[in-house]
Amino acid sequence: KRLDELREEKRQVDAIREEKRAAKEVAEAPEKEAKDKHKESWEKIKEQIKEEKQREEASFAFNELDINDDKLVSTDELQSHLEFDADNNGEVSHEEAV
């Protein structure tokens, strides 16, 4: 008999706990939705910032290579940059430039 009473008490406590868990979930749903929306917006902003930084870096690198400012990078201009000297012989060959 005592065991049956304890089982019933446990069942009641479990039912109350489940009701409270469900109520908590309902109460927290708007906050979770707002938080998820904010996180998504922030991730988009961070991606935009990253893309803009990459565009700026690419533009800077291109301008460094475009010695005569003709908006084109020629093989001759590439050959003037030793960072493209793959074999470290002090010259950038046509093959290394292209």
PDB file of N, CA and C in Angstrom:
ATOM      1  N   LYS A   1       0.814  -1.194   0.000  1.00  0.00           N
ATOM      2  CA  LYS A   1       0.000   0.000   0.000  1.00  0.00           C
ATOM      3  C   LYS A   1       0.863   1.266   0.000  1.00  0.00           C
ATOM      4  N   ARG A   2       1.881   1.337   0.826  1.00  0.00           N
ATOM      5  CA  ARG A   2       2.759   2.517   0.881  1.00  0.00           C
ATOM      6  C   ARG A   2       3.463   2.716  -0.455  1.00  0.00           C
ATOM      7  N   LEU A   3       3.876   1.614  -1.073  1.00  0.00           N
ATOM      8  CA  LEU A   3       4.541   1.699  -2.370  1.00  0.00           C
ATOM      9  C   LEU A   3       3.592   2.284  -3.413  1.00  0.00           C
ATOM     10  N   ASP A   4       2.358   1.880  -3.388  1.00  0.00           N
ATOM     11  CA  ASP A   4       1.368   2.421  -4.321  1.00  0.00           C
ATOM     12  C   ASP A   4       1.157   3.917  -4.096  1.00  0.00           C
ATOM     13  N   GLU A   5       1.133   4.343  -2.830  1.00  0.00           N
ATOM     14  CA  GLU A   5       0.982   5.766  -2.516  1.00  0.00           C
ATOM     15  C   GLU A   5       2.169   6.570  -3.053  1.00  0.00           C
ATOM     16  N   LEU A   6       3.362   6.031  -2.871  1.00  0.00           N
ATOM     17  CA  LEU A   6       4.562   6.711  -3.373  1.00  0.00           C
ATOM     18  C   LEU A   6       4.564   6.791  -4.899  1.00  0.00           C
ATOM     19  N   ARG A   7       4.124   5.744  -5.533  1.00  0.00           N
ATOM     20  CA  ARG A   7       4.052   5.749  -7.012  1.00  0.00           C
ATOM     21  C   ARG A   7       3.056   6.802  -7.497  1.00  0.00           C
ATOM     22  N   GLU A   8       1.932   6.885  -6.826  1.00  0.00           N
ATOM     23  CA  GLU A   8       0.917   7.880  -7.197  1.00  0.00           C
ATOM     24  C   GLU A   8       1.455   9.292  -6.959  1.00  0.00           C
ATOM     25  N   GLU A   9       2.118   9.492  -5.834  1.00  0.00           N
ATOM     26  CA  GLU A   9       2.703  10.798  -5.536  1.00  0.00           C
ATOM     27  C   GLU A   9       3.748  11.171  -6.599  1.00  0.00           C
ATOM     28  N   LYS A  10       4.555  10.203  -6.992  1.00  0.00           N
ATOM     29  CA  LYS A  10       5.567  10.453  -8.033  1.00  0.00           C
ATOM     30  C   LYS A  10       4.894  10.808  -9.352  1.00  0.00           C
ATOM     31  N   ARG A  11       3.825  10.098  -9.690  1.00  0.00           N
ATOM     32  CA  ARG A  11       3.107  10.381 -10.931  1.00  0.00           C
ATOM     33  C   ARG A  11       2.570  11.813 -10.912  1.00  0.00           C
ATOM     34  N   GLN A  12       2.018  12.232  -9.774  1.00  0.00           N
ATOM     35  CA  GLN A  12       1.479  13.584  -9.649  1.00  0.00           C
ATOM     36  C   GLN A  12       2.593  14.634  -9.765  1.00  0.00           C
ATOM     37  N   VAL A  13       3.694  14.371  -9.102  1.00  0.00           N
ATOM     38  CA  VAL A  13       4.835  15.303  -9.172  1.00  0.00           C
ATOM     39  C   VAL A  13       5.359  15.385 -10.599  1.00  0.00           C
ATOM     40  N   ASP A  14       5.466  14.259 -11.278  1.00  0.00           N
ATOM     41  CA  ASP A  14       5.924  14.256 -12.672  1.00  0.00           C
ATOM     42  C   ASP A  14       4.966  15.046 -13.562  1.00  0.00           C
ATOM     43  N   ALA A  15       3.664  14.902 -13.321  1.00  0.00           N
ATOM     44  CA  ALA A  15       2.675  15.632 -14.105  1.00  0.00           C
ATOM     45  C   ALA A  15       2.805  17.139 -13.874  1.00  0.00           C
ATOM     46  N   ILE A  16       2.985  17.535 -12.626  1.00  0.00           N
ATOM     47  CA  ILE A  16       3.156  18.962 -12.298  1.00  0.00           C
ATOM     48  C   ILE A  16       4.434  19.499 -12.938  1.00  0.00           C
ATOM     49  N   ARG A  17       5.498  18.707 -12.838  1.00  0.00           N
ATOM     50  CA  ARG A  17       6.775  19.131 -13.426  1.00  0.00           C
ATOM     51  C   ARG A  17       6.631  19.314 -14.939  1.00  0.00           C
ATOM     52  N   GLU A  18       5.931  18.416 -15.598  1.00  0.00           N
ATOM     53  CA  GLU A  18       5.724  18.512 -17.045  1.00  0.00           C
ATOM     54  C   GLU A  18       4.895  19.754 -17.390  1.00  0.00           C
ATOM     55  N   GLU A  19       3.860  20.039 -16.599  1.00  0.00           N
ATOM     56  CA  GLU A  19       3.045  21.238 -16.826  1.00  0.00           C
ATOM     57  C   GLU A  19       3.899  22.493 -16.693  1.00  0.00           C
ATOM     58  N   LYS A  20       4.732  22.527 -15.674  1.00  0.00           N
ATOM     59  CA  LYS A  20       5.593  23.700 -15.450  1.00  0.00           C
ATOM     60  C   LYS A  20       6.635  23.845 -16.552  1.00  0.00           C
ATOM     61  N   ARG A  21       7.170  22.720 -17.022  1.00  0.00           N
ATOM     62  CA  ARG A  21       8.136  22.764 -18.122  1.00  0.00           C
ATOM     63  C   ARG A  21       7.472  23.326 -19.370  1.00  0.00           C
ATOM     64  N   ALA A  22       6.240  22.860 -19.661  1.00  0.00           N
ATOM     65  CA  ALA A  22       5.509  23.343 -20.834  1.00  0.00           C
ATOM     66  C   ALA A  22       5.195  24.828 -20.704  1.00  0.00           C
ATOM     67  N   ALA A  23       4.783  25.264 -19.507  1.00  0.00           N
ATOM     68  CA  ALA A  23       4.486  26.678 -19.280  1.00  0.00           C
ATOM     69  C   ALA A  23       5.739  27.532 -19.444  1.00  0.00           C
ATOM     70  N   LYS A  24       6.852  27.027 -18.956  1.00  0.00           N
ATOM     71  CA  LYS A  24       8.130  27.734 -19.087  1.00  0.00           C
ATOM     72  C   LYS A  24       8.492  27.885 -20.558  1.00  0.00           C
ATOM     73  N   GLU A  25       8.321  26.821 -21.313  1.00  0.00           N
ATOM     74  CA  GLU A  25       8.628  26.846 -22.743  1.00  0.00           C
ATOM     75  C   GLU A  25       7.777  27.886 -23.458  1.00  0.00           C
ATOM     76  N   VAL A  26       6.485  27.940 -23.135  1.00  0.00           N
ATOM     77  CA  VAL A  26       5.582  28.916 -23.745  1.00  0.00           C
ATOM     78  C   VAL A  26       6.000  30.330 -23.364  1.00  0.00           C
ATOM     79  N   ALA A  27       6.337  30.523 -22.085  1.00  0.00           N
ATOM     80  CA  ALA A  27       6.731  31.852 -21.611  1.00  0.00           C
ATOM     81  C   ALA A  27       8.035  32.318 -22.257  1.00  0.00           C
ATOM     82  N   GLU A  28       8.945  31.401 -22.513  1.00  0.00           N
ATOM     83  CA  GLU A  28      10.258  31.767 -23.070  1.00  0.00           C
ATOM     84  C   GLU A  28      10.264  31.833 -24.595  1.00  0.00           C
ATOM     85  N   ALA A  29       9.205  31.381 -25.240  1.00  0.00           N
ATOM     86  CA  ALA A  29       9.178  31.333 -26.706  1.00  0.00           C
ATOM     87  C   ALA A  29       9.413  32.701 -27.351  1.00  0.00           C
ATOM     88  N   PRO A  30       8.729  33.772 -26.924  1.00  0.00           N
ATOM     89  CA  PRO A  30       8.978  35.077 -27.561  1.00  0.00           C
ATOM     90  C   PRO A  30      10.425  35.552 -27.391  1.00  0.00           C
ATOM     91  N   GLU A  31      10.977  35.331 -26.205  1.00  0.00           N
ATOM     92  CA  GLU A  31      12.368  35.729 -25.970  1.00  0.00           C
ATOM     93  C   GLU A  31      13.314  34.938 -26.869  1.00  0.00           C
ATOM     94  N   LYS A  32      13.071  33.636 -26.974  1.00  0.00           N
ATOM     95  CA  LYS A  32      13.920  32.797 -27.831  1.00  0.00           C
ATOM     96  C   LYS A  32      13.813  33.237 -29.286  1.00  0.00           C
ATOM     97  N   GLU A  33      12.600  33.533 -29.713  1.00  0.00           N
ATOM     98  CA  GLU A  33      12.400  33.987 -31.096  1.00  0.00           C
ATOM     99  C   GLU A  33      13.148  35.294 -31.357  1.00  0.00           C
ATOM    100  N   ALA A  34      13.035  36.228 -30.427  1.00  0.00           N
ATOM    101  CA  ALA A  34      13.737  37.515 -30.571  1.00  0.00           C
ATOM    102  C   ALA A  34      15.242  37.312 -30.566  1.00  0.00           C
ATOM    103  N   LYS A  35      15.713  36.454 -29.682  1.00  0.00           N
ATOM    104  CA  LYS A  35      17.146  36.184 -29.597  1.00  0.00           C
ATOM    105  C   LYS A  35      17.654  35.545 -30.887  1.00  0.00           C
ATOM    106  N   ASP A  36      16.913  34.589 -31.414  1.00  0.00           N
ATOM    107  CA  ASP A  36      17.313  33.939 -32.669  1.00  0.00           C
ATOM    108  C   ASP A  36      17.323  34.930 -33.830  1.00  0.00           C
ATOM    109  N   LYS A  37      16.315  35.814 -33.854  1.00  0.00           N
ATOM    110  CA  LYS A  37      16.242  36.819 -34.922  1.00  0.00           C
ATOM    111  C   LYS A  37      17.430  37.782 -34.824  1.00  0.00           C
ATOM    112  N   HIS A  38      17.738  38.199 -33.599  1.00  0.00           N
ATOM    113  CA  HIS A  38      18.885  39.098 -33.386  1.00  0.00           C
ATOM    114  C   HIS A  38      20.188  38.422 -33.819  1.00  0.00           C
ATOM    115  N   LYS A  39      20.344  37.163 -33.427  1.00  0.00           N
ATOM    116  CA  LYS A  39      21.568  36.436 -33.791  1.00  0.00           C
ATOM    117  C   LYS A  39      21.696  36.325 -35.303  1.00  0.00           C
ATOM    118  N   GLU A  40      20.596  36.036 -35.985  1.00  0.00           N
ATOM    119  CA  GLU A  40      20.620  35.934 -37.450  1.00  0.00           C
ATOM    120  C   GLU A  40      20.997  37.271 -38.079  1.00  0.00           C
ATOM    121  N   SER A  41      20.419  38.357 -37.571  1.00  0.00           N
ATOM    122  CA  SER A  41      20.748  39.694 -38.088  1.00  0.00           C
ATOM    123  C   SER A  41      22.218  40.019 -37.851  1.00  0.00           C
ATOM    124  N   TRP A  42      22.715  39.699 -36.665  1.00  0.00           N
ATOM    125  CA  TRP A  42      24.114  39.983 -36.340  1.00  0.00           C
ATOM    126  C   TRP A  42      25.047  39.182 -37.244  1.00  0.00           C
ATOM    127  N   GLU A  43      24.707  37.929 -37.514  1.00  0.00           N
ATOM    128  CA  GLU A  43      25.536  37.112 -38.400  1.00  0.00           C
ATOM    129  C   GLU A  43      25.573  37.714 -39.806  1.00  0.00           C
ATOM    130  N   LYS A  44      24.449  38.240 -40.280  1.00  0.00           N
ATOM    131  CA  LYS A  44      24.414  38.880 -41.599  1.00  0.00           C
ATOM    132  C   LYS A  44      25.297  40.126 -41.616  1.00  0.00           C
ATOM    133  N   ILE A  45      25.223  40.902 -40.543  1.00  0.00           N
ATOM    134  CA  ILE A  45      26.043  42.121 -40.454  1.00  0.00           C
ATOM    135  C   ILE A  45      27.521  41.754 -40.435  1.00  0.00           C
ATOM    136  N   LYS A  46      27.882  40.742 -39.656  1.00  0.00           N
ATOM    137  CA  LYS A  46      29.284  40.320 -39.593  1.00  0.00           C
ATOM    138  C   LYS A  46      29.755  39.852 -40.967  1.00  0.00           C
ATOM    139  N   GLU A  47      28.908  39.131 -41.699  1.00  0.00           N
ATOM    140  CA  GLU A  47      29.277  38.653 -43.037  1.00  0.00           C
ATOM    141  C   GLU A  47      29.459  39.843 -43.987  1.00  0.00           C
ATOM    142  N   GLN A  48      28.588  40.842 -43.895  1.00  0.00           N
ATOM    143  CA  GLN A  48      28.727  42.033 -44.728  1.00  0.00           C
ATOM    144  C   GLN A  48      30.027  42.768 -44.423  1.00  0.00           C
ATOM    145  N   ILE A  49      30.359  42.883 -43.154  1.00  0.00           N
ATOM    146  CA  ILE A  49      31.604  43.545 -42.747  1.00  0.00           C
ATOM    147  C   ILE A  49      32.799  42.776 -43.300  1.00  0.00           C
ATOM    148  N   LYS A  50      32.746  41.452 -43.192  1.00  0.00           N
ATOM    149  CA  LYS A  50      33.833  40.608 -43.694  1.00  0.00           C
ATOM    150  C   LYS A  50      33.984  40.771 -45.207  1.00  0.00           C
ATOM    151  N   GLU A  51      32.860  40.755 -45.929  1.00  0.00           N
ATOM    152  CA  GLU A  51      32.915  40.916 -47.391  1.00  0.00           C
ATOM    153  C   GLU A  51      33.464  42.279 -47.778  1.00  0.00           C
ATOM    154  N   GLU A  52      33.066  43.325 -47.059  1.00  0.00           N
ATOM    155  CA  GLU A  52      33.556  44.668 -47.351  1.00  0.00           C
ATOM    156  C   GLU A  52      35.065  44.751 -47.105  1.00  0.00           C
ATOM    157  N   LYS A  53      35.515  44.143 -46.027  1.00  0.00           N
ATOM    158  CA  LYS A  53      36.952  44.138 -45.730  1.00  0.00           C
ATOM    159  C   LYS A  53      37.720  43.400 -46.824  1.00  0.00           C
ATOM    160  N   GLN A  54      37.166  42.287 -47.293  1.00  0.00           N
ATOM    161  CA  GLN A  54      37.825  41.539 -48.368  1.00  0.00           C
ATOM    162  C   GLN A  54      37.874  42.360 -49.652  1.00  0.00           C
ATOM    163  N   ARG A  55      36.782  43.093 -49.949  1.00  0.00           N
ATOM    164  CA  ARG A  55      36.778  43.948 -51.145  1.00  0.00           C
ATOM    165  C   ARG A  55      37.828  45.045 -51.018  1.00  0.00           C
ATOM    166  N   GLU A  56      37.925  45.638 -49.825  1.00  0.00           N
ATOM    167  CA  GLU A  56      38.927  46.695 -49.614  1.00  0.00           C
ATOM    168  C   GLU A  56      40.338  46.144 -49.765  1.00  0.00           C
ATOM    169  N   GLU A  57      40.581  44.967 -49.205  1.00  0.00           N
ATOM    170  CA  GLU A  57      41.912  44.362 -49.317  1.00  0.00           C
ATOM    171  C   GLU A  57      42.234  44.017 -50.768  1.00  0.00           C
ATOM    172  N   ALA A  58      41.249  43.487 -51.488  1.00  0.00           N
ATOM    173  CA  ALA A  58      41.465  43.145 -52.894  1.00  0.00           C
ATOM    174  C   ALA A  58      41.725  44.404 -53.716  1.00  0.00           C
ATOM    175  N   SER A  59      40.975  45.454 -53.429  1.00  0.00           N
ATOM    176  CA  SER A  59      41.163  46.717 -54.144  1.00  0.00           C
ATOM    177  C   SER A  59      42.549  47.293 -53.857  1.00  0.00           C
ATOM    178  N   PHE A  60      42.962  47.240 -52.610  1.00  0.00           N
ATOM    179  CA  PHE A  60      44.289  47.732 -52.246  1.00  0.00           C
ATOM    180  C   PHE A  60      45.371  46.933 -52.968  1.00  0.00           C
ATOM    181  N   ALA A  61      45.228  45.604 -52.954  1.00  0.00           N
ATOM    182  CA  ALA A  61      46.224  44.748 -53.624  1.00  0.00           C
ATOM    183  C   ALA A  61      46.260  45.036 -55.117  1.00  0.00           C
ATOM    184  N   PHE A  62      45.084  45.182 -55.727  1.00  0.00           N
ATOM    185  CA  PHE A  62      45.042  45.473 -57.159  1.00  0.00           C
ATOM    186  C   PHE A  62      45.725  46.799 -57.449  1.00  0.00           C
ATOM    187  N   ASN A  63      45.421  47.807 -56.644  1.00  0.00           N
ATOM    188  CA  ASN A  63      46.030  49.128 -56.862  1.00  0.00           C
ATOM    189  C   ASN A  63      47.541  49.092 -56.678  1.00  0.00           C
ATOM    190  N   GLU A  64      48.023  48.235 -55.763  1.00  0.00           N
ATOM    191  CA  GLU A  64      49.468  48.073 -55.595  1.00  0.00           C
ATOM    192  C   GLU A  64      50.090  47.472 -56.851  1.00  0.00           C
ATOM    193  N   LEU A  65      49.374  46.561 -57.486  1.00  0.00           N
ATOM    194  CA  LEU A  65      49.897  45.899 -58.691  1.00  0.00           C
ATOM    195  C   LEU A  65      49.776  46.787 -59.924  1.00  0.00           C
ATOM    196  N   ASP A  66      48.735  47.585 -59.994  1.00  0.00           N
ATOM    197  CA  ASP A  66      48.464  48.438 -61.167  1.00  0.00           C
ATOM    198  C   ASP A  66      49.315  49.700 -61.089  1.00  0.00           C
ATOM    199  N   ILE A  67      50.575  49.554 -61.444  1.00  0.00           N
ATOM    200  CA  ILE A  67      51.551  50.634 -61.283  1.00  0.00           C
ATOM    201  C   ILE A  67      51.182  51.867 -62.101  1.00  0.00           C
ATOM    202  N   ASN A  68      50.700  51.672 -63.334  1.00  0.00           N
ATOM    203  CA  ASN A  68      50.414  52.821 -64.203  1.00  0.00           C
ATOM    204  C   ASN A  68      48.964  53.305 -64.113  1.00  0.00           C
ATOM    205  N   ASP A  69      48.209  52.791 -63.168  1.00  0.00           N
ATOM    206  CA  ASP A  69      46.826  53.235 -62.915  1.00  0.00           C
ATOM    207  C   ASP A  69      45.913  53.153 -64.136  1.00  0.00           C
ATOM    208  N   ASP A  70      46.128  52.144 -64.988  1.00  0.00           N
ATOM    209  CA  ASP A  70      45.250  51.998 -66.152  1.00  0.00           C
ATOM    210  C   ASP A  70      44.086  51.038 -65.883  1.00  0.00           C
ATOM    211  N   LYS A  71      43.923  50.635 -64.640  1.00  0.00           N
ATOM    212  CA  LYS A  71      42.862  49.718 -64.195  1.00  0.00           C
ATOM    213  C   LYS A  71      43.016  48.324 -64.786  1.00  0.00           C
ATOM    214  N   LEU A  72      44.222  48.016 -65.211  1.00  0.00           N
ATOM    215  CA  LEU A  72      44.583  46.688 -65.708  1.00  0.00           C
ATOM    216  C   LEU A  72      45.915  46.309 -65.085  1.00  0.00           C
ATOM    217  N   VAL A  73      46.107  45.036 -64.819  1.00  0.00           N
ATOM    218  CA  VAL A  73      47.388  44.571 -64.304  1.00  0.00           C
ATOM    219  C   VAL A  73      48.041  43.747 -65.405  1.00  0.00           C
ATOM    220  N   SER A  74      49.119  44.263 -65.911  1.00  0.00           N
ATOM    221  CA  SER A  74      49.814  43.582 -67.006  1.00  0.00           C
ATOM    222  C   SER A  74      50.867  42.625 -66.449  1.00  0.00           C
ATOM    223  N   THR A  75      51.363  41.771 -67.333  1.00  0.00           N
ATOM    224  CA  THR A  75      52.430  40.858 -66.957  1.00  0.00           C
ATOM    225  C   THR A  75      53.658  41.649 -66.503  1.00  0.00           C
ATOM    226  N   ASP A  76      53.956  42.738 -67.202  1.00  0.00           N
ATOM    227  CA  ASP A  76      55.104  43.576 -66.812  1.00  0.00           C
ATOM    228  C   ASP A  76      54.931  44.106 -65.388  1.00  0.00           C
ATOM    229  N   GLU A  77      53.713  44.524 -65.043  1.00  0.00           N
ATOM    230  CA  GLU A  77      53.482  45.035 -63.695  1.00  0.00           C
ATOM    231  C   GLU A  77      53.643  43.913 -62.662  1.00  0.00           C
ATOM    232  N   LEU A  78      53.165  42.728 -62.984  1.00  0.00           N
ATOM    233  CA  LEU A  78      53.333  41.590 -62.076  1.00  0.00           C
ATOM    234  C   LEU A  78      54.811  41.249 -61.900  1.00  0.00           C
ATOM    235  N   GLN A  79      55.562  41.350 -62.986  1.00  0.00           N
ATOM    236  CA  GLN A  79      56.972  40.994 -62.921  1.00  0.00           C
ATOM    237  C   GLN A  79      57.778  41.976 -62.079  1.00  0.00           C
ATOM    238  N   SER A  80      57.211  43.137 -61.799  1.00  0.00           N
ATOM    239  CA  SER A  80      57.925  44.104 -60.966  1.00  0.00           C
ATOM    240  C   SER A  80      57.732  43.831 -59.466  1.00  0.00           C
ATOM    241  N   HIS A  81      56.943  42.837 -59.129  1.00  0.00           N
ATOM    242  CA  HIS A  81      56.688  42.501 -57.720  1.00  0.00           C
ATOM    243  C   HIS A  81      57.370  41.185 -57.371  1.00  0.00           C
ATOM    244  N   LEU A  82      58.411  41.266 -56.587  1.00  0.00           N
ATOM    245  CA  LEU A  82      59.198  40.081 -56.249  1.00  0.00           C
ATOM    246  C   LEU A  82      58.437  39.068 -55.394  1.00  0.00           C
ATOM    247  N   GLU A  83      57.315  39.446 -54.817  1.00  0.00           N
ATOM    248  CA  GLU A  83      56.547  38.460 -54.045  1.00  0.00           C
ATOM    249  C   GLU A  83      55.999  37.345 -54.941  1.00  0.00           C
ATOM    250  N   PHE A  84      56.037  37.566 -56.271  1.00  0.00           N
ATOM    251  CA  PHE A  84      55.611  36.520 -57.211  1.00  0.00           C
ATOM    252  C   PHE A  84      56.793  35.680 -57.698  1.00  0.00           C
ATOM    253  N   ASP A  85      57.982  35.948 -57.173  1.00  0.00           N
ATOM    254  CA  ASP A  85      59.191  35.210 -57.557  1.00  0.00           C
ATOM    255  C   ASP A  85      59.194  33.855 -56.838  1.00  0.00           C
ATOM    256  N   ALA A  86      58.520  32.890 -57.425  1.00  0.00           N
ATOM    257  CA  ALA A  86      58.328  31.583 -56.774  1.00  0.00           C
ATOM    258  C   ALA A  86      59.641  30.839 -56.566  1.00  0.00           C
ATOM    259  N   ASP A  87      60.592  30.971 -57.492  1.00  0.00           N
ATOM    260  CA  ASP A  87      61.841  30.222 -57.351  1.00  0.00           C
ATOM    261  C   ASP A  87      62.943  31.031 -56.651  1.00  0.00           C
ATOM    262  N   ASN A  88      62.586  32.237 -56.188  1.00  0.00           N
ATOM    263  CA  ASN A  88      63.505  33.088 -55.412  1.00  0.00           C
ATOM    264  C   ASN A  88      64.830  33.355 -56.110  1.00  0.00           C
ATOM    265  N   ASN A  89      64.759  33.583 -57.418  1.00  0.00           N
ATOM    266  CA  ASN A  89      65.989  33.882 -58.147  1.00  0.00           C
ATOM    267  C   ASN A  89      66.178  35.388 -58.357  1.00  0.00           C
ATOM    268  N   GLY A  90      65.310  36.201 -57.748  1.00  0.00           N
ATOM    269  CA  GLY A  90      65.444  37.652 -57.863  1.00  0.00           C
ATOM    270  C   GLY A  90      64.711  38.253 -59.032  1.00  0.00           C
ATOM    271  N   GLU A  91      64.077  37.438 -59.850  1.00  0.00           N
ATOM    272  CA  GLU A  91      63.314  37.911 -60.995  1.00  0.00           C
ATOM    273  C   GLU A  91      61.988  37.187 -61.055  1.00  0.00           C
ATOM    274  N   VAL A  92      60.976  37.879 -61.552  1.00  0.00           N
ATOM    275  CA  VAL A  92      59.677  37.233 -61.757  1.00  0.00           C
ATOM    276  C   VAL A  92      59.566  36.927 -63.236  1.00  0.00           C
ATOM    277  N   SER A  93      59.591  35.647 -63.548  1.00  0.00           N
ATOM    278  CA  SER A  93      59.506  35.254 -64.947  1.00  0.00           C
ATOM    279  C   SER A  93      58.076  35.407 -65.448  1.00  0.00           C
ATOM    280  N   HIS A  94      57.925  35.339 -66.752  1.00  0.00           N
ATOM    281  CA  HIS A  94      56.597  35.405 -67.354  1.00  0.00           C
ATOM    282  C   HIS A  94      55.711  34.290 -66.800  1.00  0.00           C
ATOM    283  N   GLU A  95      56.267  33.107 -66.655  1.00  0.00           N
ATOM    284  CA  GLU A  95      55.502  31.952 -66.134  1.00  0.00           C
ATOM    285  C   GLU A  95      55.059  32.192 -64.696  1.00  0.00           C
ATOM    286  N   GLU A  96      55.933  32.792 -63.884  1.00  0.00           N
ATOM    287  CA  GLU A  96      55.574  33.070 -62.492  1.00  0.00           C
ATOM    288  C   GLU A  96      54.504  34.165 -62.421  1.00  0.00           C
ATOM    289  N   ALA A  97      54.561  35.101 -63.357  1.00  0.00           N
ATOM    290  CA  ALA A  97      53.601  36.210 -63.342  1.00  0.00           C
ATOM    291  C   ALA A  97      52.216  35.790 -63.785  1.00  0.00           C
ATOM    292  N   VAL A  98      52.154  34.798 -64.657  1.00  0.00           N
ATOM    293  CA  VAL A  98      50.841  34.358 -65.144  1.00  0.00           C
ATOM    294  C   VAL A  98      50.447  33.114 -64.415  1.00  0.00           C
TER     295      VAL A  98
END
